[in-house]
Amino acid sequence: MAQSLPETVLFDLDGTLVDNFEAIHRCYDDVMSMMGLPSVTLEQIRRAVGGSVNVTVVKLAGEANAPTATRLFREHFPSVMYHGLRVYPGCKEILVNLRAQGVKVAVYTNKDDANSKKLLEYLELDGLLDGIYGTNVHPWRKPQLEFTHFVLSSMKADPARTVMVGDSPFDIATARNGKLSAIHCVTTGSHTAEELAPYAPDTVHAGLAELARDAFRLG
């Protein structure tokens, strides 16, 4: 394995490897309609997601409506989750090329664990991963250190040889809290390079192809 490469790379899912925003927007908009609340735009969804459903519903529906909105979202999402789903350019290539160099790769997301696995299987990405770690199978979510410890322990990964790839301040905080060796960000998801800058990620890239080339020196 090339010396400059980490031993393990943990990828966020939504906004990093895959674009699932259309389905997430459709689901939240349907839930808001069911509850008689104002509709939400795709841009609002992009700005609100990242901290798991529990966090997003408070931003969109308010604290008082959050328990009902969370329940409705979880019930409704499986029926719409493939709507508009796509992988970002360079997604399969970076996973294949990292593993070809002996690097372990996994998805580490605040998305529901079961739905994450279904989406990745649907996109035929599951076979390119050494692990898939989502929420609702334990009490944690990013950037909680307990979640990162669980993932690292499951992968038998050394934090000093592990990097995080994500698109939001949640991912940056996750890497810092877990004392990972680096956090690389892409701007395909919820935040621009200018919006990420105050959180001081190690690098920021326009997409996965640029990340593979510039951060990992992959062809």
N, C-alpha and C. Protein backbone atom coordinates (compact mmCIF):
# COMPACT_ATOMS: atom_id res chain seq x y z
N MET A 1 0.85 -1.20 0.00
CA MET A 1 0.00 0.00 0.00
C MET A 1 0.88 1.24 0.00
N ALA A 2 0.52 2.24 -0.80
CA ALA A 2 1.28 3.47 -0.86
C ALA A 2 1.35 4.10 0.53
N GLN A 3 2.55 4.61 0.89
CA GLN A 3 2.76 5.11 2.24
C GLN A 3 1.86 6.28 2.57
N SER A 4 1.51 7.08 1.58
CA SER A 4 0.72 8.29 1.81
C SER A 4 -0.75 7.99 2.07
N LEU A 5 -1.18 6.78 1.80
CA LEU A 5 -2.58 6.44 1.98
C LEU A 5 -2.88 6.02 3.41
N PRO A 6 -4.09 6.33 3.89
CA PRO A 6 -4.49 5.85 5.22
C PRO A 6 -4.80 4.36 5.17
N GLU A 7 -4.98 3.76 6.34
CA GLU A 7 -5.40 2.36 6.39
C GLU A 7 -6.90 2.21 6.20
N THR A 8 -7.66 3.23 6.66
CA THR A 8 -9.12 3.17 6.62
C THR A 8 -9.68 4.52 6.21
N VAL A 9 -10.69 4.51 5.37
CA VAL A 9 -11.41 5.73 5.00
C VAL A 9 -12.89 5.54 5.31
N LEU A 10 -13.43 6.46 6.10
CA LEU A 10 -14.85 6.44 6.46
C LEU A 10 -15.57 7.51 5.65
N PHE A 11 -16.55 7.10 4.85
CA PHE A 11 -17.29 8.02 3.99
C PHE A 11 -18.67 8.31 4.57
N ASP A 12 -19.01 9.58 4.66
CA ASP A 12 -20.41 9.95 4.88
C ASP A 12 -21.20 9.47 3.65
N LEU A 13 -22.52 9.41 3.77
CA LEU A 13 -23.34 8.90 2.66
C LEU A 13 -24.00 10.02 1.87
N ASP A 14 -25.07 10.61 2.42
CA ASP A 14 -25.82 11.65 1.70
C ASP A 14 -24.96 12.90 1.49
N GLY A 15 -24.89 13.34 0.25
CA GLY A 15 -24.13 14.55 -0.07
C GLY A 15 -22.66 14.28 -0.30
N THR A 16 -22.22 13.05 -0.01
CA THR A 16 -20.81 12.70 -0.17
C THR A 16 -20.63 11.61 -1.24
N LEU A 17 -21.23 10.46 -1.03
CA LEU A 17 -21.18 9.38 -2.02
C LEU A 17 -22.40 9.39 -2.93
N VAL A 18 -23.57 9.67 -2.35
CA VAL A 18 -24.81 9.60 -3.13
C VAL A 18 -25.65 10.85 -2.94
N ASP A 19 -26.46 11.13 -3.95
CA ASP A 19 -27.44 12.22 -3.90
C ASP A 19 -28.82 11.61 -3.68
N ASN A 20 -29.31 11.74 -2.46
CA ASN A 20 -30.63 11.24 -2.08
C ASN A 20 -31.55 12.38 -1.68
N PHE A 21 -31.13 13.61 -2.03
CA PHE A 21 -31.84 14.79 -1.57
C PHE A 21 -33.27 14.90 -2.10
N GLU A 22 -33.49 14.44 -3.34
CA GLU A 22 -34.85 14.54 -3.90
C GLU A 22 -35.83 13.69 -3.10
N ALA A 23 -35.41 12.50 -2.73
CA ALA A 23 -36.28 11.62 -1.94
C ALA A 23 -36.49 12.17 -0.53
N ILE A 24 -35.43 12.67 0.06
CA ILE A 24 -35.54 13.24 1.41
C ILE A 24 -36.48 14.44 1.39
N HIS A 25 -36.34 15.28 0.36
CA HIS A 25 -37.23 16.44 0.23
C HIS A 25 -38.68 16.00 0.05
N ARG A 26 -38.88 15.04 -0.82
CA ARG A 26 -40.25 14.55 -1.07
C ARG A 26 -40.87 14.02 0.22
N CYS A 27 -40.09 13.27 0.98
CA CYS A 27 -40.60 12.68 2.21
C CYS A 27 -40.95 13.76 3.24
N TYR A 28 -40.04 14.70 3.45
CA TYR A 28 -40.31 15.77 4.42
C TYR A 28 -41.49 16.63 3.98
N ASP A 29 -41.56 16.91 2.68
CA ASP A 29 -42.67 17.73 2.19
C ASP A 29 -44.00 17.01 2.39
N ASP A 30 -44.02 15.71 2.15
CA ASP A 30 -45.23 14.92 2.39
C ASP A 30 -45.61 14.93 3.88
N VAL A 31 -44.61 14.79 4.74
CA VAL A 31 -44.86 14.79 6.18
C VAL A 31 -45.41 16.13 6.64
N MET A 32 -44.82 17.22 6.13
CA MET A 32 -45.30 18.55 6.51
C MET A 32 -46.75 18.73 6.07
N SER A 33 -47.09 18.22 4.88
CA SER A 33 -48.45 18.29 4.38
C SER A 33 -49.40 17.49 5.26
N MET A 34 -48.98 16.28 5.65
CA MET A 34 -49.80 15.44 6.53
C MET A 34 -50.11 16.15 7.85
N MET A 35 -49.18 16.95 8.30
CA MET A 35 -49.31 17.61 9.60
C MET A 35 -49.89 19.03 9.49
N GLY A 36 -50.22 19.45 8.26
CA GLY A 36 -50.78 20.77 8.07
C GLY A 36 -49.77 21.89 8.27
N LEU A 37 -48.49 21.59 8.03
CA LEU A 37 -47.42 22.57 8.20
C LEU A 37 -46.96 23.08 6.83
N PRO A 38 -46.27 24.23 6.78
CA PRO A 38 -45.83 24.78 5.50
C PRO A 38 -44.90 23.83 4.76
N SER A 39 -44.99 23.84 3.44
CA SER A 39 -44.13 22.99 2.62
C SER A 39 -42.68 23.47 2.73
N VAL A 40 -41.77 22.58 2.39
CA VAL A 40 -40.34 22.91 2.45
C VAL A 40 -39.73 22.77 1.07
N THR A 41 -38.70 23.57 0.81
CA THR A 41 -38.03 23.54 -0.48
C THR A 41 -36.85 22.57 -0.44
N LEU A 42 -36.37 22.21 -1.62
CA LEU A 42 -35.21 21.34 -1.72
C LEU A 42 -34.00 22.01 -1.07
N GLU A 43 -33.89 23.31 -1.23
CA GLU A 43 -32.76 24.03 -0.64
C GLU A 43 -32.83 24.01 0.88
N GLN A 44 -34.03 24.14 1.44
CA GLN A 44 -34.18 24.03 2.90
C GLN A 44 -33.71 22.66 3.39
N ILE A 45 -34.04 21.64 2.63
CA ILE A 45 -33.64 20.29 3.01
C ILE A 45 -32.12 20.16 2.98
N ARG A 46 -31.49 20.65 1.92
CA ARG A 46 -30.03 20.60 1.83
C ARG A 46 -29.38 21.26 3.04
N ARG A 47 -29.97 22.37 3.48
CA ARG A 47 -29.39 23.12 4.60
C ARG A 47 -29.66 22.45 5.95
N ALA A 48 -30.71 21.64 6.02
CA ALA A 48 -31.15 21.13 7.32
C ALA A 48 -30.61 19.75 7.67
N VAL A 49 -30.26 18.96 6.65
CA VAL A 49 -29.89 17.56 6.92
C VAL A 49 -28.45 17.43 7.41
N GLY A 50 -28.13 16.24 7.91
CA GLY A 50 -26.76 15.94 8.32
C GLY A 50 -26.67 15.44 9.75
N GLY A 51 -27.59 15.87 10.59
CA GLY A 51 -27.52 15.49 11.99
C GLY A 51 -28.45 14.38 12.39
N SER A 52 -29.04 13.70 11.44
CA SER A 52 -30.03 12.63 11.60
C SER A 52 -31.44 13.22 11.60
N VAL A 53 -32.42 12.35 11.41
CA VAL A 53 -33.82 12.76 11.34
C VAL A 53 -34.22 13.54 12.59
N ASN A 54 -33.78 13.09 13.75
CA ASN A 54 -34.16 13.73 15.01
C ASN A 54 -33.79 15.22 15.03
N VAL A 55 -32.64 15.55 14.45
CA VAL A 55 -32.18 16.94 14.42
C VAL A 55 -32.89 17.73 13.33
N THR A 56 -33.06 17.11 12.16
CA THR A 56 -33.64 17.81 11.02
C THR A 56 -35.10 18.19 11.25
N VAL A 57 -35.88 17.30 11.87
CA VAL A 57 -37.31 17.60 12.06
C VAL A 57 -37.52 18.80 12.97
N VAL A 58 -36.64 18.98 13.92
CA VAL A 58 -36.77 20.16 14.80
C VAL A 58 -36.58 21.43 14.00
N LYS A 59 -35.61 21.42 13.08
CA LYS A 59 -35.35 22.60 12.23
C LYS A 59 -36.53 22.90 11.33
N LEU A 60 -37.18 21.85 10.82
CA LEU A 60 -38.24 22.03 9.83
C LEU A 60 -39.64 22.15 10.44
N ALA A 61 -39.92 21.35 11.45
CA ALA A 61 -41.28 21.28 12.00
C ALA A 61 -41.42 21.90 13.38
N GLY A 62 -40.30 22.20 14.02
CA GLY A 62 -40.36 22.77 15.36
C GLY A 62 -40.31 21.71 16.44
N GLU A 63 -39.88 22.10 17.62
CA GLU A 63 -39.69 21.18 18.74
C GLU A 63 -40.97 20.43 19.10
N ALA A 64 -42.09 21.16 19.15
CA ALA A 64 -43.36 20.55 19.58
C ALA A 64 -43.84 19.49 18.61
N ASN A 65 -43.58 19.70 17.32
CA ASN A 65 -44.04 18.76 16.29
C ASN A 65 -43.04 17.65 16.00
N ALA A 66 -41.85 17.73 16.58
CA ALA A 66 -40.76 16.83 16.22
C ALA A 66 -41.08 15.35 16.44
N PRO A 67 -41.65 14.94 17.59
CA PRO A 67 -41.91 13.51 17.76
C PRO A 67 -42.83 12.91 16.69
N THR A 68 -43.91 13.63 16.36
CA THR A 68 -44.83 13.14 15.33
C THR A 68 -44.18 13.15 13.96
N ALA A 69 -43.46 14.23 13.65
CA ALA A 69 -42.80 14.35 12.35
C ALA A 69 -41.74 13.26 12.17
N THR A 70 -41.02 12.95 13.23
CA THR A 70 -40.00 11.89 13.17
C THR A 70 -40.65 10.54 12.87
N ARG A 71 -41.72 10.26 13.57
CA ARG A 71 -42.42 8.98 13.36
C ARG A 71 -42.94 8.88 11.93
N LEU A 72 -43.57 9.94 11.45
CA LEU A 72 -44.12 9.93 10.10
C LEU A 72 -43.03 9.80 9.04
N PHE A 73 -41.91 10.51 9.27
CA PHE A 73 -40.81 10.41 8.31
C PHE A 73 -40.29 8.98 8.23
N ARG A 74 -40.07 8.37 9.37
CA ARG A 74 -39.53 7.00 9.38
C ARG A 74 -40.50 6.02 8.71
N GLU A 75 -41.79 6.23 8.91
CA GLU A 75 -42.79 5.35 8.29
C GLU A 75 -42.86 5.54 6.78
N HIS A 76 -42.72 6.81 6.33
CA HIS A 76 -42.96 7.14 4.93
C HIS A 76 -41.72 6.99 4.04
N PHE A 77 -40.54 7.22 4.60
CA PHE A 77 -39.34 7.28 3.76
C PHE A 77 -39.09 6.03 2.93
N PRO A 78 -39.26 4.81 3.46
CA PRO A 78 -38.99 3.63 2.64
C PRO A 78 -39.79 3.59 1.33
N SER A 79 -40.95 4.22 1.30
CA SER A 79 -41.79 4.20 0.09
C SER A 79 -41.32 5.18 -0.98
N VAL A 80 -40.45 6.12 -0.62
CA VAL A 80 -40.00 7.13 -1.60
C VAL A 80 -38.48 7.20 -1.72
N MET A 81 -37.74 6.36 -0.99
CA MET A 81 -36.31 6.61 -0.84
C MET A 81 -35.47 6.41 -2.11
N TYR A 82 -36.02 5.75 -3.12
CA TYR A 82 -35.25 5.59 -4.36
C TYR A 82 -35.53 6.71 -5.37
N HIS A 83 -36.43 7.62 -5.01
CA HIS A 83 -36.81 8.71 -5.91
C HIS A 83 -35.61 9.62 -6.18
N GLY A 84 -35.19 9.71 -7.44
CA GLY A 84 -34.09 10.60 -7.82
C GLY A 84 -32.73 10.18 -7.33
N LEU A 85 -32.60 8.98 -6.79
CA LEU A 85 -31.35 8.53 -6.21
C LEU A 85 -30.26 8.36 -7.27
N ARG A 86 -29.08 8.84 -6.97
CA ARG A 86 -27.95 8.67 -7.90
C ARG A 86 -26.65 8.73 -7.13
N VAL A 87 -25.61 8.15 -7.72
CA VAL A 87 -24.27 8.26 -7.14
C VAL A 87 -23.60 9.49 -7.73
N TYR A 88 -22.73 10.10 -6.96
CA TYR A 88 -21.96 11.24 -7.48
C TYR A 88 -20.84 10.74 -8.39
N PRO A 89 -20.45 11.54 -9.38
CA PRO A 89 -19.34 11.14 -10.26
C PRO A 89 -18.09 10.79 -9.45
N GLY A 90 -17.48 9.70 -9.81
CA GLY A 90 -16.26 9.27 -9.14
C GLY A 90 -16.50 8.40 -7.92
N CYS A 91 -17.75 8.12 -7.58
CA CYS A 91 -18.07 7.36 -6.38
C CYS A 91 -17.52 5.94 -6.44
N LYS A 92 -17.92 5.20 -7.45
CA LYS A 92 -17.47 3.80 -7.55
C LYS A 92 -15.97 3.73 -7.73
N GLU A 93 -15.44 4.66 -8.51
CA GLU A 93 -14.01 4.63 -8.81
C GLU A 93 -13.16 4.81 -7.56
N ILE A 94 -13.54 5.74 -6.69
CA ILE A 94 -12.71 5.98 -5.50
C ILE A 94 -12.77 4.78 -4.54
N LEU A 95 -13.93 4.15 -4.44
CA LEU A 95 -14.05 2.98 -3.58
C LEU A 95 -13.21 1.82 -4.12
N VAL A 96 -13.33 1.58 -5.41
CA VAL A 96 -12.58 0.49 -6.05
C VAL A 96 -11.08 0.74 -5.95
N ASN A 97 -10.66 1.97 -6.25
CA ASN A 97 -9.23 2.27 -6.28
C ASN A 97 -8.60 2.26 -4.89
N LEU A 98 -9.32 2.73 -3.89
CA LEU A 98 -8.79 2.68 -2.53
C LEU A 98 -8.61 1.23 -2.08
N ARG A 99 -9.62 0.41 -2.32
CA ARG A 99 -9.53 -1.00 -1.90
C ARG A 99 -8.43 -1.73 -2.68
N ALA A 100 -8.23 -1.35 -3.94
CA ALA A 100 -7.16 -1.97 -4.73
C ALA A 100 -5.79 -1.67 -4.13
N GLN A 101 -5.70 -0.57 -3.37
CA GLN A 101 -4.46 -0.20 -2.70
C GLN A 101 -4.38 -0.76 -1.28
N GLY A 102 -5.36 -1.58 -0.90
CA GLY A 102 -5.34 -2.20 0.41
C GLY A 102 -5.99 -1.38 1.51
N VAL A 103 -6.68 -0.31 1.13
CA VAL A 103 -7.35 0.55 2.11
C VAL A 103 -8.73 -0.01 2.41
N LYS A 104 -9.10 -0.06 3.70
CA LYS A 104 -10.46 -0.44 4.08
C LYS A 104 -11.37 0.78 3.94
N VAL A 105 -12.56 0.58 3.38
CA VAL A 105 -13.50 1.69 3.19
C VAL A 105 -14.86 1.31 3.78
N ALA A 106 -15.50 2.30 4.39
CA ALA A 106 -16.81 2.06 4.99
C ALA A 106 -17.67 3.31 4.88
N VAL A 107 -18.97 3.11 4.94
CA VAL A 107 -19.91 4.22 5.05
C VAL A 107 -20.22 4.43 6.53
N TYR A 108 -20.15 5.69 6.95
CA TYR A 108 -20.39 6.09 8.33
C TYR A 108 -21.35 7.28 8.28
N THR A 109 -22.62 7.05 8.60
CA THR A 109 -23.67 8.01 8.29
C THR A 109 -24.67 8.17 9.43
N ASN A 110 -25.32 9.32 9.45
CA ASN A 110 -26.43 9.53 10.39
C ASN A 110 -27.76 9.09 9.79
N LYS A 111 -27.73 8.54 8.59
CA LYS A 111 -28.94 7.97 8.00
C LYS A 111 -29.27 6.65 8.72
N ASP A 112 -30.54 6.32 8.74
CA ASP A 112 -30.99 5.06 9.33
C ASP A 112 -30.18 3.88 8.77
N ASP A 113 -29.73 3.01 9.64
CA ASP A 113 -28.85 1.91 9.25
C ASP A 113 -29.49 1.00 8.20
N ALA A 114 -30.74 0.60 8.44
CA ALA A 114 -31.40 -0.32 7.50
C ALA A 114 -31.61 0.33 6.14
N ASN A 115 -32.04 1.59 6.12
CA ASN A 115 -32.25 2.29 4.85
C ASN A 115 -30.93 2.51 4.12
N SER A 116 -29.86 2.80 4.87
CA SER A 116 -28.55 2.99 4.25
C SER A 116 -28.12 1.71 3.52
N LYS A 117 -28.31 0.59 4.17
CA LYS A 117 -27.91 -0.69 3.56
C LYS A 117 -28.75 -1.02 2.33
N LYS A 118 -30.05 -0.69 2.38
CA LYS A 118 -30.92 -0.93 1.23
C LYS A 118 -30.52 -0.04 0.04
N LEU A 119 -30.23 1.23 0.31
CA LEU A 119 -29.83 2.15 -0.75
C LEU A 119 -28.52 1.71 -1.39
N LEU A 120 -27.56 1.33 -0.57
CA LEU A 120 -26.25 0.93 -1.09
C LEU A 120 -26.34 -0.38 -1.87
N GLU A 121 -27.21 -1.28 -1.43
CA GLU A 121 -27.44 -2.52 -2.19
C GLU A 121 -28.12 -2.20 -3.53
N TYR A 122 -29.10 -1.31 -3.50
CA TYR A 122 -29.82 -0.91 -4.72
C TYR A 122 -28.85 -0.31 -5.74
N LEU A 123 -27.88 0.48 -5.25
CA LEU A 123 -26.90 1.13 -6.13
C LEU A 123 -25.72 0.22 -6.46
N GLU A 124 -25.72 -1.00 -5.92
CA GLU A 124 -24.65 -1.97 -6.11
C GLU A 124 -23.31 -1.45 -5.62
N LEU A 125 -23.36 -0.74 -4.50
CA LEU A 125 -22.15 -0.24 -3.85
C LEU A 125 -21.77 -1.07 -2.63
N ASP A 126 -22.71 -1.85 -2.13
CA ASP A 126 -22.47 -2.59 -0.88
C ASP A 126 -21.28 -3.54 -1.00
N GLY A 127 -21.10 -4.12 -2.16
CA GLY A 127 -20.00 -5.05 -2.37
C GLY A 127 -18.64 -4.38 -2.45
N LEU A 128 -18.63 -3.04 -2.53
CA LEU A 128 -17.38 -2.30 -2.60
C LEU A 128 -16.96 -1.77 -1.24
N LEU A 129 -17.72 -2.13 -0.20
CA LEU A 129 -17.49 -1.57 1.13
C LEU A 129 -17.11 -2.66 2.13
N ASP A 130 -16.29 -2.28 3.10
CA ASP A 130 -15.91 -3.19 4.18
C ASP A 130 -16.83 -3.04 5.39
N GLY A 131 -17.70 -2.04 5.37
CA GLY A 131 -18.64 -1.84 6.47
C GLY A 131 -19.64 -0.75 6.15
N ILE A 132 -20.83 -0.83 6.75
CA ILE A 132 -21.87 0.19 6.63
C ILE A 132 -22.40 0.44 8.03
N TYR A 133 -22.30 1.69 8.49
CA TYR A 133 -22.68 2.03 9.86
C TYR A 133 -23.64 3.22 9.85
N GLY A 134 -24.89 2.97 10.23
CA GLY A 134 -25.90 4.02 10.30
C GLY A 134 -26.51 4.09 11.69
N THR A 135 -27.57 4.86 11.81
CA THR A 135 -28.20 5.11 13.12
C THR A 135 -29.40 4.20 13.36
N ASN A 136 -29.93 4.31 14.58
CA ASN A 136 -31.13 3.61 15.04
C ASN A 136 -30.92 2.15 15.41
N VAL A 137 -29.66 1.72 15.45
CA VAL A 137 -29.36 0.39 15.97
C VAL A 137 -28.62 0.51 17.31
N HIS A 138 -28.39 1.74 17.73
CA HIS A 138 -27.74 2.08 18.99
C HIS A 138 -28.13 3.52 19.30
N PRO A 139 -27.79 4.07 20.45
CA PRO A 139 -28.26 5.41 20.82
C PRO A 139 -27.46 6.57 20.27
N TRP A 140 -26.47 6.33 19.41
CA TRP A 140 -25.53 7.39 19.03
C TRP A 140 -25.79 7.93 17.62
N ARG A 141 -25.23 9.11 17.39
CA ARG A 141 -25.17 9.69 16.04
C ARG A 141 -23.93 10.58 15.97
N LYS A 142 -23.43 10.77 14.75
CA LYS A 142 -22.29 11.68 14.57
C LYS A 142 -22.69 13.08 15.06
N PRO A 143 -21.80 13.79 15.73
CA PRO A 143 -20.37 13.53 15.92
C PRO A 143 -20.02 12.90 17.27
N GLN A 144 -20.94 12.16 17.87
CA GLN A 144 -20.66 11.57 19.18
C GLN A 144 -19.50 10.60 19.12
N LEU A 145 -18.59 10.75 20.09
CA LEU A 145 -17.38 9.94 20.12
C LEU A 145 -17.70 8.45 20.26
N GLU A 146 -18.77 8.11 20.99
CA GLU A 146 -19.13 6.70 21.18
C GLU A 146 -19.42 6.01 19.85
N PHE A 147 -20.06 6.74 18.93
CA PHE A 147 -20.38 6.19 17.62
C PHE A 147 -19.08 5.91 16.86
N THR A 148 -18.16 6.89 16.88
CA THR A 148 -16.89 6.72 16.18
C THR A 148 -16.09 5.57 16.77
N HIS A 149 -16.06 5.47 18.10
CA HIS A 149 -15.36 4.36 18.74
C HIS A 149 -15.95 3.02 18.31
N PHE A 150 -17.28 2.97 18.22
CA PHE A 150 -17.95 1.74 17.80
C PHE A 150 -17.53 1.36 16.38
N VAL A 151 -17.52 2.34 15.48
CA VAL A 151 -17.15 2.08 14.08
C VAL A 151 -15.69 1.62 13.99
N LEU A 152 -14.79 2.35 14.66
CA LEU A 152 -13.37 2.00 14.61
C LEU A 152 -13.11 0.62 15.19
N SER A 153 -13.79 0.32 16.30
CA SER A 153 -13.63 -0.99 16.93
C SER A 153 -14.13 -2.10 16.01
N SER A 154 -15.28 -1.87 15.38
CA SER A 154 -15.84 -2.87 14.47
C SER A 154 -14.92 -3.14 13.29
N MET A 155 -14.24 -2.08 12.82
CA MET A 155 -13.36 -2.20 11.66
C MET A 155 -11.92 -2.57 12.04
N LYS A 156 -11.67 -2.64 13.38
CA LYS A 156 -10.31 -2.86 13.87
C LYS A 156 -9.36 -1.82 13.26
N ALA A 157 -9.81 -0.57 13.31
CA ALA A 157 -9.10 0.54 12.68
C ALA A 157 -8.43 1.43 13.72
N ASP A 158 -7.25 1.89 13.39
CA ASP A 158 -6.48 2.82 14.22
C ASP A 158 -6.90 4.24 13.85
N PRO A 159 -7.40 5.05 14.81
CA PRO A 159 -7.82 6.41 14.47
C PRO A 159 -6.70 7.24 13.84
N ALA A 160 -5.47 6.97 14.23
CA ALA A 160 -4.34 7.72 13.69
C ALA A 160 -4.04 7.38 12.23
N ARG A 161 -4.64 6.27 11.73
CA ARG A 161 -4.46 5.87 10.33
C ARG A 161 -5.80 5.86 9.59
N THR A 162 -6.78 6.62 10.14
CA THR A 162 -8.13 6.65 9.57
C THR A 162 -8.50 8.08 9.20
N VAL A 163 -9.12 8.27 8.04
CA VAL A 163 -9.60 9.59 7.65
C VAL A 163 -11.11 9.54 7.41
N MET A 164 -11.72 10.69 7.58
CA MET A 164 -13.16 10.87 7.32
C MET A 164 -13.33 11.67 6.05
N VAL A 165 -14.31 11.30 5.24
CA VAL A 165 -14.69 12.08 4.06
C VAL A 165 -16.16 12.45 4.22
N GLY A 166 -16.47 13.74 4.13
CA GLY A 166 -17.85 14.18 4.31
C GLY A 166 -18.14 15.50 3.64
N ASP A 167 -19.32 16.03 3.93
CA ASP A 167 -19.74 17.27 3.26
C ASP A 167 -20.26 18.33 4.23
N SER A 168 -20.16 18.08 5.54
CA SER A 168 -20.79 19.01 6.48
C SER A 168 -19.97 19.19 7.75
N PRO A 169 -20.30 20.21 8.54
CA PRO A 169 -19.63 20.41 9.83
C PRO A 169 -19.80 19.20 10.77
N PHE A 170 -20.88 18.43 10.62
CA PHE A 170 -21.05 17.21 11.43
C PHE A 170 -19.89 16.25 11.19
N ASP A 171 -19.48 16.13 9.92
CA ASP A 171 -18.39 15.22 9.58
C ASP A 171 -17.05 15.73 10.10
N ILE A 172 -16.86 17.04 10.04
CA ILE A 172 -15.63 17.63 10.54
C ILE A 172 -15.54 17.43 12.06
N ALA A 173 -16.64 17.68 12.76
CA ALA A 173 -16.67 17.47 14.21
C ALA A 173 -16.44 16.01 14.57
N THR A 174 -16.99 15.12 13.75
CA THR A 174 -16.81 13.68 13.98
C THR A 174 -15.34 13.31 13.93
N ALA A 175 -14.66 13.79 12.90
CA ALA A 175 -13.23 13.49 12.75
C ALA A 175 -12.41 14.08 13.89
N ARG A 176 -12.72 15.30 14.26
CA ARG A 176 -11.96 15.96 15.33
C ARG A 176 -12.22 15.27 16.68
N ASN A 177 -13.47 14.99 16.98
CA ASN A 177 -13.81 14.33 18.25
C ASN A 177 -13.15 12.96 18.36
N GLY A 178 -13.09 12.26 17.23
CA GLY A 178 -12.52 10.92 17.21
C GLY A 178 -11.02 10.88 17.02
N LYS A 179 -10.42 12.08 16.92
CA LYS A 179 -8.96 12.19 16.71
C LYS A 179 -8.50 11.38 15.50
N LEU A 180 -9.30 11.45 14.42
CA LEU A 180 -8.92 10.82 13.16
C LEU A 180 -7.78 11.62 12.53
N SER A 181 -7.05 11.00 11.64
CA SER A 181 -5.85 11.65 11.11
C SER A 181 -6.17 12.81 10.18
N ALA A 182 -7.35 12.79 9.55
CA ALA A 182 -7.70 13.89 8.65
C ALA A 182 -9.20 13.88 8.36
N ILE A 183 -9.70 15.04 7.94
CA ILE A 183 -11.07 15.17 7.44
C ILE A 183 -11.01 15.88 6.10
N HIS A 184 -11.44 15.17 5.06
CA HIS A 184 -11.51 15.72 3.71
C HIS A 184 -12.98 15.96 3.36
N CYS A 185 -13.27 17.14 2.83
CA CYS A 185 -14.66 17.48 2.51
C CYS A 185 -14.87 17.65 1.01
N VAL A 186 -16.09 17.35 0.58
CA VAL A 186 -16.53 17.63 -0.79
C VAL A 186 -17.70 18.61 -0.72
N THR A 187 -17.87 19.38 -1.78
CA THR A 187 -18.91 20.41 -1.80
C THR A 187 -20.11 20.00 -2.63
N THR A 188 -20.31 18.70 -2.79
CA THR A 188 -21.45 18.18 -3.56
C THR A 188 -22.73 18.14 -2.72
N GLY A 189 -22.62 18.31 -1.42
CA GLY A 189 -23.78 18.14 -0.55
C GLY A 189 -24.36 19.40 -0.01
N SER A 190 -24.21 19.62 1.29
CA SER A 190 -24.96 20.67 1.98
C SER A 190 -24.23 22.00 2.14
N HIS A 191 -22.91 22.03 1.95
CA HIS A 191 -22.15 23.24 2.24
C HIS A 191 -21.15 23.55 1.13
N THR A 192 -20.94 24.85 0.92
CA THR A 192 -19.92 25.31 -0.03
C THR A 192 -18.56 25.33 0.67
N ALA A 193 -17.51 25.52 -0.12
CA ALA A 193 -16.16 25.60 0.45
C ALA A 193 -16.06 26.76 1.43
N GLU A 194 -16.71 27.88 1.09
CA GLU A 194 -16.68 29.05 1.97
C GLU A 194 -17.39 28.78 3.29
N GLU A 195 -18.47 28.03 3.24
CA GLU A 195 -19.22 27.70 4.45
C GLU A 195 -18.49 26.69 5.33
N LEU A 196 -17.69 25.83 4.70
CA LEU A 196 -16.93 24.82 5.45
C LEU A 196 -15.65 25.40 6.06
N ALA A 197 -15.13 26.45 5.45
CA ALA A 197 -13.83 26.99 5.86
C ALA A 197 -13.71 27.30 7.36
N PRO A 198 -14.73 27.92 8.00
CA PRO A 198 -14.58 28.24 9.43
C PRO A 198 -14.39 27.00 10.32
N TYR A 199 -14.79 25.83 9.83
CA TYR A 199 -14.66 24.60 10.61
C TYR A 199 -13.31 23.91 10.39
N ALA A 200 -12.51 24.49 9.51
CA ALA A 200 -11.12 24.07 9.27
C ALA A 200 -10.94 22.60 8.90
N PRO A 201 -11.63 22.12 7.84
CA PRO A 201 -11.31 20.77 7.35
C PRO A 201 -9.89 20.76 6.79
N ASP A 202 -9.30 19.59 6.70
CA ASP A 202 -7.93 19.51 6.18
C ASP A 202 -7.87 19.87 4.70
N THR A 203 -8.84 19.36 3.92
CA THR A 203 -8.92 19.73 2.51
C THR A 203 -10.39 19.82 2.10
N VAL A 204 -10.65 20.58 1.03
CA VAL A 204 -11.99 20.68 0.46
C VAL A 204 -11.87 20.50 -1.05
N HIS A 205 -12.81 19.71 -1.62
CA HIS A 205 -12.73 19.36 -3.04
C HIS A 205 -14.10 19.52 -3.70
N ALA A 206 -14.09 19.77 -5.00
CA ALA A 206 -15.34 19.96 -5.73
C ALA A 206 -16.15 18.67 -5.81
N GLY A 207 -15.48 17.53 -5.76
CA GLY A 207 -16.17 16.26 -5.87
C GLY A 207 -15.23 15.11 -5.57
N LEU A 208 -15.72 13.89 -5.75
CA LEU A 208 -14.95 12.70 -5.40
C LEU A 208 -13.77 12.45 -6.34
N ALA A 209 -13.93 12.80 -7.60
CA ALA A 209 -12.81 12.61 -8.54
C ALA A 209 -11.64 13.50 -8.15
N GLU A 210 -11.95 14.74 -7.79
CA GLU A 210 -10.90 15.67 -7.36
C GLU A 210 -10.27 15.21 -6.04
N LEU A 211 -11.11 14.72 -5.13
CA LEU A 211 -10.61 14.19 -3.86
C LEU A 211 -9.66 13.02 -4.10
N ALA A 212 -10.05 12.08 -4.95
CA ALA A 212 -9.22 10.91 -5.24
C ALA A 212 -7.87 11.34 -5.79
N ARG A 213 -7.89 12.30 -6.68
CA ARG A 213 -6.65 12.75 -7.33
C ARG A 213 -5.76 13.56 -6.37
N ASP A 214 -6.35 14.52 -5.69
CA ASP A 214 -5.55 15.48 -4.94
C ASP A 214 -5.23 15.06 -3.51
N ALA A 215 -6.15 14.36 -2.84
CA ALA A 215 -5.92 13.95 -1.44
C ALA A 215 -5.29 12.56 -1.35
N PHE A 216 -5.69 11.65 -2.25
CA PHE A 216 -5.21 10.28 -2.17
C PHE A 216 -4.24 9.89 -3.29
N ARG A 217 -4.03 10.82 -4.22
CA ARG A 217 -3.10 10.57 -5.33
C ARG A 217 -3.45 9.32 -6.13
N LEU A 218 -4.75 9.12 -6.32
CA LEU A 218 -5.24 7.99 -7.11
C LEU A 218 -5.46 8.43 -8.54
N GLY A 219 -5.15 7.58 -9.49
CA GLY A 219 -5.34 7.90 -10.89
C GLY A 219 -6.80 7.88 -11.27
